[in-house]
């Protein structure tokens, strides 16, 4: 029990840091295409060329962070519930 209490300030600090990060920068790079917006193909000779558009980020190379997605969901639910 005491180890949980000693870890609480660290966890609260990490949550506060992530919340601030989501507020300042709501978009992160796409993990699938690494921010390029497309897959990189390599030919048999080793030449790199542009592949097709990334389906996950739809070619933008950016994605909404999980914390910002959760914040948008909660704020939308709150605004629809208070009408």
PDB file of N, CA and C in Angstrom:
ATOM      1  N   UNK A   1       0.813  -1.189   0.000  1.00  0.00           N
ATOM      2  CA  UNK A   1       0.000   0.000   0.000  1.00  0.00           C
ATOM      3  C   UNK A   1       0.862   1.262   0.000  1.00  0.00           C
ATOM      4  N   UNK A   2       1.955   1.234   0.761  1.00  0.00           N
ATOM      5  CA  UNK A   2       2.809   2.416   0.831  1.00  0.00           C
ATOM      6  C   UNK A   2       3.550   2.656  -0.489  1.00  0.00           C
ATOM      7  N   UNK A   3       3.836   1.591  -1.244  1.00  0.00           N
ATOM      8  CA  UNK A   3       4.514   1.784  -2.528  1.00  0.00           C
ATOM      9  C   UNK A   3       3.585   2.457  -3.535  1.00  0.00           C
ATOM     10  N   UNK A   4       2.282   2.188  -3.414  1.00  0.00           N
ATOM     11  CA  UNK A   4       1.311   2.841  -4.287  1.00  0.00           C
ATOM     12  C   UNK A   4       1.217   4.323  -3.965  1.00  0.00           C
ATOM     13  N   UNK A   5       1.231   4.648  -2.682  1.00  0.00           N
ATOM     14  CA  UNK A   5       1.160   6.049  -2.280  1.00  0.00           C
ATOM     15  C   UNK A   5       2.417   6.815  -2.661  1.00  0.00           C
ATOM     16  N   UNK A   6       3.552   6.165  -2.636  1.00  0.00           N
ATOM     17  CA  UNK A   6       4.783   6.849  -3.025  1.00  0.00           C
ATOM     18  C   UNK A   6       4.867   7.040  -4.543  1.00  0.00           C
ATOM     19  N   UNK A   7       4.159   6.231  -5.312  1.00  0.00           N
ATOM     20  CA  UNK A   7       4.172   6.352  -6.773  1.00  0.00           C
ATOM     21  C   UNK A   7       3.121   7.332  -7.286  1.00  0.00           C
ATOM     22  N   UNK A   8       2.171   7.729  -6.435  1.00  0.00           N
ATOM     23  CA  UNK A   8       1.088   8.612  -6.867  1.00  0.00           C
ATOM     24  C   UNK A   8       1.569   9.968  -7.390  1.00  0.00           C
ATOM     25  N   UNK A   9       2.511  10.655  -6.737  1.00  0.00           N
ATOM     26  CA  UNK A   9       2.956  11.940  -7.293  1.00  0.00           C
ATOM     27  C   UNK A   9       3.575  11.801  -8.683  1.00  0.00           C
ATOM     28  N   UNK A  10       4.289  10.728  -8.910  1.00  0.00           N
ATOM     29  CA  UNK A  10       4.904  10.507 -10.221  1.00  0.00           C
ATOM     30  C   UNK A  10       3.822  10.273 -11.275  1.00  0.00           C
ATOM     31  N   UNK A  11       2.818   9.481 -10.929  1.00  0.00           N
ATOM     32  CA  UNK A  11       1.728   9.222 -11.864  1.00  0.00           C
ATOM     33  C   UNK A  11       0.926  10.487 -12.155  1.00  0.00           C
ATOM     34  N   UNK A  12       0.643  11.274 -11.118  1.00  0.00           N
ATOM     35  CA  UNK A  12      -0.086  12.528 -11.322  1.00  0.00           C
ATOM     36  C   UNK A  12       0.706  13.503 -12.184  1.00  0.00           C
ATOM     37  N   UNK A  13       2.005  13.541 -12.005  1.00  0.00           N
ATOM     38  CA  UNK A  13       2.859  14.404 -12.815  1.00  0.00           C
ATOM     39  C   UNK A  13       2.858  13.957 -14.280  1.00  0.00           C
ATOM     40  N   UNK A  14       2.903  12.640 -14.500  1.00  0.00           N
ATOM     41  CA  UNK A  14       2.884  12.116 -15.872  1.00  0.00           C
ATOM     42  C   UNK A  14       1.550  12.414 -16.551  1.00  0.00           C
ATOM     43  N   UNK A  15       0.450  12.273 -15.818  1.00  0.00           N
ATOM     44  CA  UNK A  15      -0.866  12.566 -16.382  1.00  0.00           C
ATOM     45  C   UNK A  15      -0.995  14.050 -16.694  1.00  0.00           C
ATOM     46  N   UNK A  16      -0.505  14.902 -15.805  1.00  0.00           N
ATOM     47  CA  UNK A  16      -0.558  16.344 -16.038  1.00  0.00           C
ATOM     48  C   UNK A  16       0.292  16.732 -17.246  1.00  0.00           C
ATOM     49  N   UNK A  17       1.461  16.127 -17.391  1.00  0.00           N
ATOM     50  CA  UNK A  17       2.317  16.409 -18.541  1.00  0.00           C
ATOM     51  C   UNK A  17       1.647  15.991 -19.844  1.00  0.00           C
ATOM     52  N   UNK A  18       1.017  14.801 -19.856  1.00  0.00           N
ATOM     53  CA  UNK A  18       0.354  14.327 -21.067  1.00  0.00           C
ATOM     54  C   UNK A  18      -0.856  15.190 -21.403  1.00  0.00           C
ATOM     55  N   UNK A  19      -1.599  15.643 -20.388  1.00  0.00           N
ATOM     56  CA  UNK A  19      -2.746  16.530 -20.628  1.00  0.00           C
ATOM     57  C   UNK A  19      -2.279  17.851 -21.223  1.00  0.00           C
ATOM     58  N   UNK A  20      -1.174  18.381 -20.726  1.00  0.00           N
ATOM     59  CA  UNK A  20      -0.633  19.620 -21.282  1.00  0.00           C
ATOM     60  C   UNK A  20      -0.159  19.409 -22.719  1.00  0.00           C
ATOM     61  N   UNK A  21       0.458  18.273 -22.984  1.00  0.00           N
ATOM     62  CA  UNK A  21       0.913  17.960 -24.341  1.00  0.00           C
ATOM     63  C   UNK A  21      -0.269  17.868 -25.305  1.00  0.00           C
ATOM     64  N   UNK A  22      -1.352  17.239 -24.867  1.00  0.00           N
ATOM     65  CA  UNK A  22      -2.542  17.118 -25.715  1.00  0.00           C
ATOM     66  C   UNK A  22      -3.201  18.470 -25.945  1.00  0.00           C
ATOM     67  N   UNK A  23      -3.124  19.367 -24.968  1.00  0.00           N
ATOM     68  CA  UNK A  23      -3.710  20.702 -25.126  1.00  0.00           C
ATOM     69  C   UNK A  23      -2.884  21.555 -26.079  1.00  0.00           C
ATOM     70  N   UNK A  24      -1.573  21.469 -25.979  1.00  0.00           N
ATOM     71  CA  UNK A  24      -0.690  22.285 -26.812  1.00  0.00           C
ATOM     72  C   UNK A  24      -0.587  21.719 -28.227  1.00  0.00           C
ATOM     73  N   UNK A  25      -0.423  20.414 -28.337  1.00  0.00           N
ATOM     74  CA  UNK A  25      -0.245  19.764 -29.633  1.00  0.00           C
ATOM     75  C   UNK A  25      -1.204  18.576 -29.741  1.00  0.00           C
ATOM     76  N   UNK A  26      -2.427  18.797 -30.223  1.00  0.00           N
ATOM     77  CA  UNK A  26      -3.408  17.710 -30.252  1.00  0.00           C
ATOM     78  C   UNK A  26      -3.119  16.630 -31.291  1.00  0.00           C
ATOM     79  N   UNK A  27      -2.260  16.911 -32.250  1.00  0.00           N
ATOM     80  CA  UNK A  27      -1.955  15.939 -33.291  1.00  0.00           C
ATOM     81  C   UNK A  27      -0.532  15.423 -33.133  1.00  0.00           C
ATOM     82  N   UNK A  28      -0.352  14.128 -33.364  1.00  0.00           N
ATOM     83  CA  UNK A  28       0.964  13.502 -33.356  1.00  0.00           C
ATOM     84  C   UNK A  28       1.216  12.883 -34.716  1.00  0.00           C
ATOM     85  N   UNK A  29       2.416  12.390 -34.935  1.00  0.00           N
ATOM     86  CA  UNK A  29       2.711  11.763 -36.211  1.00  0.00           C
ATOM     87  C   UNK A  29       2.056  10.386 -36.280  1.00  0.00           C
ATOM     88  N   UNK A  30       1.678  10.006 -37.462  1.00  0.00           N
ATOM     89  CA  UNK A  30       1.065   8.698 -37.681  1.00  0.00           C
ATOM     90  C   UNK A  30       2.117   7.619 -37.460  1.00  0.00           C
ATOM     91  N   UNK A  31       1.763   6.606 -36.683  1.00  0.00           N
ATOM     92  CA  UNK A  31       2.725   5.542 -36.385  1.00  0.00           C
ATOM     93  C   UNK A  31       2.899   4.591 -37.555  1.00  0.00           C
ATOM     94  N   UNK A  32       1.928   4.521 -38.405  1.00  0.00           N
ATOM     95  CA  UNK A  32       2.007   3.570 -39.511  1.00  0.00           C
ATOM     96  C   UNK A  32       2.936   4.055 -40.623  1.00  0.00           C
ATOM     97  N   UNK A  33       2.793   5.320 -41.006  1.00  0.00           N
ATOM     98  CA  UNK A  33       3.612   5.849 -42.101  1.00  0.00           C
ATOM     99  C   UNK A  33       4.740   6.749 -41.602  1.00  0.00           C
ATOM    100  N   UNK A  34       4.868   6.883 -40.288  1.00  0.00           N
ATOM    101  CA  UNK A  34       5.902   7.696 -39.636  1.00  0.00           C
ATOM    102  C   UNK A  34       5.853   9.166 -40.061  1.00  0.00           C
ATOM    103  N   UNK A  35       4.665   9.674 -40.369  1.00  0.00           N
ATOM    104  CA  UNK A  35       4.490  11.078 -40.691  1.00  0.00           C
ATOM    105  C   UNK A  35       4.663  11.436 -42.152  1.00  0.00           C
ATOM    106  N   UNK A  36       4.963  10.473 -43.011  1.00  0.00           N
ATOM    107  CA  UNK A  36       5.133  10.765 -44.427  1.00  0.00           C
ATOM    108  C   UNK A  36       3.796  10.929 -45.139  1.00  0.00           C
ATOM    109  N   UNK A  37       2.776  10.189 -44.721  1.00  0.00           N
ATOM    110  CA  UNK A  37       1.480  10.239 -45.383  1.00  0.00           C
ATOM    111  C   UNK A  37       1.334   9.169 -46.445  1.00  0.00           C
ATOM    112  N   UNK A  38       2.395   8.407 -46.664  1.00  0.00           N
ATOM    113  CA  UNK A  38       2.360   7.334 -47.654  1.00  0.00           C
ATOM    114  C   UNK A  38       3.372   6.275 -47.267  1.00  0.00           C
ATOM    115  N   UNK A  39       3.196   5.102 -47.780  1.00  0.00           N
ATOM    116  CA  UNK A  39       4.144   4.020 -47.543  1.00  0.00           C
ATOM    117  C   UNK A  39       5.311   4.171 -48.520  1.00  0.00           C
ATOM    118  N   UNK A  40       6.489   3.836 -48.080  1.00  0.00           N
ATOM    119  CA  UNK A  40       7.667   3.904 -48.948  1.00  0.00           C
ATOM    120  C   UNK A  40       7.937   2.504 -49.476  1.00  0.00           C
ATOM    121  N   UNK A  41       7.996   2.390 -50.793  1.00  0.00           N
ATOM    122  CA  UNK A  41       8.269   1.103 -51.428  1.00  0.00           C
ATOM    123  C   UNK A  41       9.731   1.054 -51.865  1.00  0.00           C
ATOM    124  N   UNK A  42      10.255  -0.136 -51.897  1.00  0.00           N
ATOM    125  CA  UNK A  42      11.627  -0.327 -52.353  1.00  0.00           C
ATOM    126  C   UNK A  42      11.611  -1.323 -53.510  1.00  0.00           C
ATOM    127  N   UNK A  43      12.244  -0.951 -54.621  1.00  0.00           N
ATOM    128  CA  UNK A  43      12.291  -1.843 -55.768  1.00  0.00           C
ATOM    129  C   UNK A  43      13.336  -2.929 -55.533  1.00  0.00           C
ATOM    130  N   UNK A  44      13.425  -3.845 -56.457  1.00  0.00           N
ATOM    131  CA  UNK A  44      14.416  -4.922 -56.321  1.00  0.00           C
ATOM    132  C   UNK A  44      15.839  -4.399 -56.408  1.00  0.00           C
ATOM    133  N   UNK A  45      16.020  -3.288 -57.071  1.00  0.00           N
ATOM    134  CA  UNK A  45      17.350  -2.700 -57.191  1.00  0.00           C
ATOM    135  C   UNK A  45      17.700  -1.830 -55.982  1.00  0.00           C
ATOM    136  N   UNK A  46      16.730  -1.601 -55.105  1.00  0.00           N
ATOM    137  CA  UNK A  46      16.993  -0.796 -53.916  1.00  0.00           C
ATOM    138  C   UNK A  46      16.556   0.645 -54.028  1.00  0.00           C
ATOM    139  N   UNK A  47      15.901   1.013 -55.130  1.00  0.00           N
ATOM    140  CA  UNK A  47      15.436   2.382 -55.312  1.00  0.00           C
ATOM    141  C   UNK A  47      14.177   2.589 -54.486  1.00  0.00           C
ATOM    142  N   UNK A  48      14.123   3.702 -53.789  1.00  0.00           N
ATOM    143  CA  UNK A  48      12.954   4.036 -52.990  1.00  0.00           C
ATOM    144  C   UNK A  48      11.974   4.840 -53.829  1.00  0.00           C
ATOM    145  N   UNK A  49      10.692   4.545 -53.698  1.00  0.00           N
ATOM    146  CA  UNK A  49       9.676   5.306 -54.410  1.00  0.00           C
ATOM    147  C   UNK A  49       8.456   5.449 -53.508  1.00  0.00           C
ATOM    148  N   UNK A  50       7.634   6.390 -53.881  1.00  0.00           N
ATOM    149  CA  UNK A  50       6.429   6.646 -53.102  1.00  0.00           C
ATOM    150  C   UNK A  50       5.420   5.537 -53.358  1.00  0.00           C
ATOM    151  N   UNK A  51       4.889   4.991 -52.274  1.00  0.00           N
ATOM    152  CA  UNK A  51       3.861   3.966 -52.372  1.00  0.00           C
ATOM    153  C   UNK A  51       2.486   4.605 -52.332  1.00  0.00           C
ATOM    154  N   UNK A  52       1.516   3.822 -51.934  1.00  0.00           N
ATOM    155  CA  UNK A  52       0.166   4.354 -51.903  1.00  0.00           C
ATOM    156  C   UNK A  52      -0.069   5.147 -50.618  1.00  0.00           C
ATOM    157  N   UNK A  53      -1.144   5.897 -50.630  1.00  0.00           N
ATOM    158  CA  UNK A  53      -1.502   6.758 -49.505  1.00  0.00           C
ATOM    159  C   UNK A  53      -1.820   5.925 -48.263  1.00  0.00           C
ATOM    160  N   UNK A  54      -1.418   6.411 -47.107  1.00  0.00           N
ATOM    161  CA  UNK A  54      -1.654   5.710 -45.849  1.00  0.00           C
ATOM    162  C   UNK A  54      -3.148   5.725 -45.537  1.00  0.00           C
ATOM    163  N   UNK A  55      -3.695   4.558 -45.225  1.00  0.00           N
ATOM    164  CA  UNK A  55      -5.120   4.474 -44.934  1.00  0.00           C
ATOM    165  C   UNK A  55      -5.445   4.949 -43.533  1.00  0.00           C
ATOM    166  N   UNK A  56      -4.514   4.852 -42.628  1.00  0.00           N
ATOM    167  CA  UNK A  56      -4.779   5.221 -41.242  1.00  0.00           C
ATOM    168  C   UNK A  56      -4.945   6.729 -41.073  1.00  0.00           C
ATOM    169  N   UNK A  57      -4.065   7.508 -41.686  1.00  0.00           N
ATOM    170  CA  UNK A  57      -4.128   8.971 -41.542  1.00  0.00           C
ATOM    171  C   UNK A  57      -4.679   9.640 -42.794  1.00  0.00           C
ATOM    172  N   UNK A  58      -5.049   8.879 -43.793  1.00  0.00           N
ATOM    173  CA  UNK A  58      -5.604   9.367 -45.065  1.00  0.00           C
ATOM    174  C   UNK A  58      -4.645  10.309 -45.787  1.00  0.00           C
ATOM    175  N   UNK A  59      -3.356  10.063 -45.646  1.00  0.00           N
ATOM    176  CA  UNK A  59      -2.356  10.818 -46.386  1.00  0.00           C
ATOM    177  C   UNK A  59      -1.898  12.095 -45.713  1.00  0.00           C
ATOM    178  N   UNK A  60      -2.399  12.422 -44.521  1.00  0.00           N
ATOM    179  CA  UNK A  60      -1.989  13.647 -43.844  1.00  0.00           C
ATOM    180  C   UNK A  60      -0.712  13.470 -43.043  1.00  0.00           C
ATOM    181  N   UNK A  61      -0.442  12.262 -42.586  1.00  0.00           N
ATOM    182  CA  UNK A  61       0.753  12.015 -41.796  1.00  0.00           C
ATOM    183  C   UNK A  61       0.580  12.381 -40.333  1.00  0.00           C
ATOM    184  N   UNK A  62      -0.602  12.818 -39.947  1.00  0.00           N
ATOM    185  CA  UNK A  62      -0.880  13.229 -38.581  1.00  0.00           C
ATOM    186  C   UNK A  62      -2.080  12.443 -38.068  1.00  0.00           C
ATOM    187  N   UNK A  63      -2.150  12.253 -36.751  1.00  0.00           N
ATOM    188  CA  UNK A  63      -3.278  11.579 -36.129  1.00  0.00           C
ATOM    189  C   UNK A  63      -3.626  12.309 -34.847  1.00  0.00           C
ATOM    190  N   UNK A  64      -4.851  12.160 -34.381  1.00  0.00           N
ATOM    191  CA  UNK A  64      -5.273  12.776 -33.134  1.00  0.00           C
ATOM    192  C   UNK A  64      -4.745  11.923 -31.982  1.00  0.00           C
ATOM    193  N   UNK A  65      -4.135  12.560 -31.005  1.00  0.00           N
ATOM    194  CA  UNK A  65      -3.623  11.829 -29.846  1.00  0.00           C
ATOM    195  C   UNK A  65      -4.773  11.207 -29.067  1.00  0.00           C
ATOM    196  N   UNK A  66      -4.488  10.130 -28.344  1.00  0.00           N
ATOM    197  CA  UNK A  66      -5.526   9.411 -27.597  1.00  0.00           C
ATOM    198  C   UNK A  66      -6.144  10.297 -26.519  1.00  0.00           C
ATOM    199  N   UNK A  67      -5.348  11.076 -25.827  1.00  0.00           N
ATOM    200  CA  UNK A  67      -5.868  11.963 -24.788  1.00  0.00           C
ATOM    201  C   UNK A  67      -6.754  13.051 -25.358  1.00  0.00           C
ATOM    202  N   UNK A  68      -6.377  13.588 -26.507  1.00  0.00           N
ATOM    203  CA  UNK A  68      -7.197  14.631 -27.139  1.00  0.00           C
ATOM    204  C   UNK A  68      -8.489  14.030 -27.668  1.00  0.00           C
ATOM    205  N   UNK A  69      -8.422  12.815 -28.179  1.00  0.00           N
ATOM    206  CA  UNK A  69      -9.627  12.125 -28.647  1.00  0.00           C
ATOM    207  C   UNK A  69     -10.594  11.923 -27.489  1.00  0.00           C
ATOM    208  N   UNK A  70     -10.086  11.520 -26.337  1.00  0.00           N
ATOM    209  CA  UNK A  70     -10.907  11.333 -25.146  1.00  0.00           C
ATOM    210  C   UNK A  70     -11.498  12.660 -24.683  1.00  0.00           C
ATOM    211  N   UNK A  71     -10.705  13.731 -24.701  1.00  0.00           N
ATOM    212  CA  UNK A  71     -11.202  15.054 -24.324  1.00  0.00           C
ATOM    213  C   UNK A  71     -12.312  15.511 -25.263  1.00  0.00           C
ATOM    214  N   UNK A  72     -12.135  15.317 -26.570  1.00  0.00           N
ATOM    215  CA  UNK A  72     -13.169  15.702 -27.539  1.00  0.00           C
ATOM    216  C   UNK A  72     -14.448  14.913 -27.314  1.00  0.00           C
ATOM    217  N   UNK A  73     -14.315  13.627 -27.017  1.00  0.00           N
ATOM    218  CA  UNK A  73     -15.472  12.780 -26.772  1.00  0.00           C
ATOM    219  C   UNK A  73     -16.251  13.241 -25.540  1.00  0.00           C
ATOM    220  N   UNK A  74     -15.542  13.524 -24.449  1.00  0.00           N
ATOM    221  CA  UNK A  74     -16.195  13.957 -23.215  1.00  0.00           C
ATOM    222  C   UNK A  74     -16.827  15.327 -23.382  1.00  0.00           C
ATOM    223  N   UNK A  75     -16.152  16.263 -24.037  1.00  0.00           N
ATOM    224  CA  UNK A  75     -16.721  17.599 -24.217  1.00  0.00           C
ATOM    225  C   UNK A  75     -17.934  17.559 -25.143  1.00  0.00           C
ATOM    226  N   UNK A  76     -17.916  16.709 -26.164  1.00  0.00           N
ATOM    227  CA  UNK A  76     -19.068  16.566 -27.047  1.00  0.00           C
ATOM    228  C   UNK A  76     -20.245  15.963 -26.296  1.00  0.00           C
ATOM    229  N   UNK A  77     -19.983  14.965 -25.461  1.00  0.00           N
ATOM    230  CA  UNK A  77     -21.027  14.352 -24.649  1.00  0.00           C
ATOM    231  C   UNK A  77     -21.618  15.351 -23.663  1.00  0.00           C
ATOM    232  N   UNK A  78     -20.773  16.178 -23.062  1.00  0.00           N
ATOM    233  CA  UNK A  78     -21.247  17.195 -22.115  1.00  0.00           C
ATOM    234  C   UNK A  78     -22.098  18.255 -22.818  1.00  0.00           C
ATOM    235  N   UNK A  79     -21.650  18.710 -23.986  1.00  0.00           N
ATOM    236  CA  UNK A  79     -22.409  19.758 -24.687  1.00  0.00           C
ATOM    237  C   UNK A  79     -23.742  19.229 -25.206  1.00  0.00           C
ATOM    238  N   UNK A  80     -23.789  17.976 -25.615  1.00  0.00           N
ATOM    239  CA  UNK A  80     -25.058  17.396 -26.061  1.00  0.00           C
ATOM    240  C   UNK A  80     -26.001  17.101 -24.892  1.00  0.00           C
ATOM    241  N   UNK A  81     -25.452  16.855 -23.724  1.00  0.00           N
ATOM    242  CA  UNK A  81     -26.279  16.550 -22.568  1.00  0.00           C
ATOM    243  C   UNK A  81     -26.841  17.787 -21.881  1.00  0.00           C
ATOM    244  N   UNK A  82     -26.235  18.953 -22.130  1.00  0.00           N
ATOM    245  CA  UNK A  82     -26.693  20.173 -21.484  1.00  0.00           C
ATOM    246  C   UNK A  82     -27.524  21.060 -22.399  1.00  0.00           C
ATOM    247  N   UNK A  83     -27.933  20.582 -23.527  1.00  0.00           N
ATOM    248  CA  UNK A  83     -28.763  21.395 -24.440  1.00  0.00           C
ATOM    249  C   UNK A  83     -30.172  21.492 -23.958  1.00  0.00           C
TER     250      UNK A  83
END
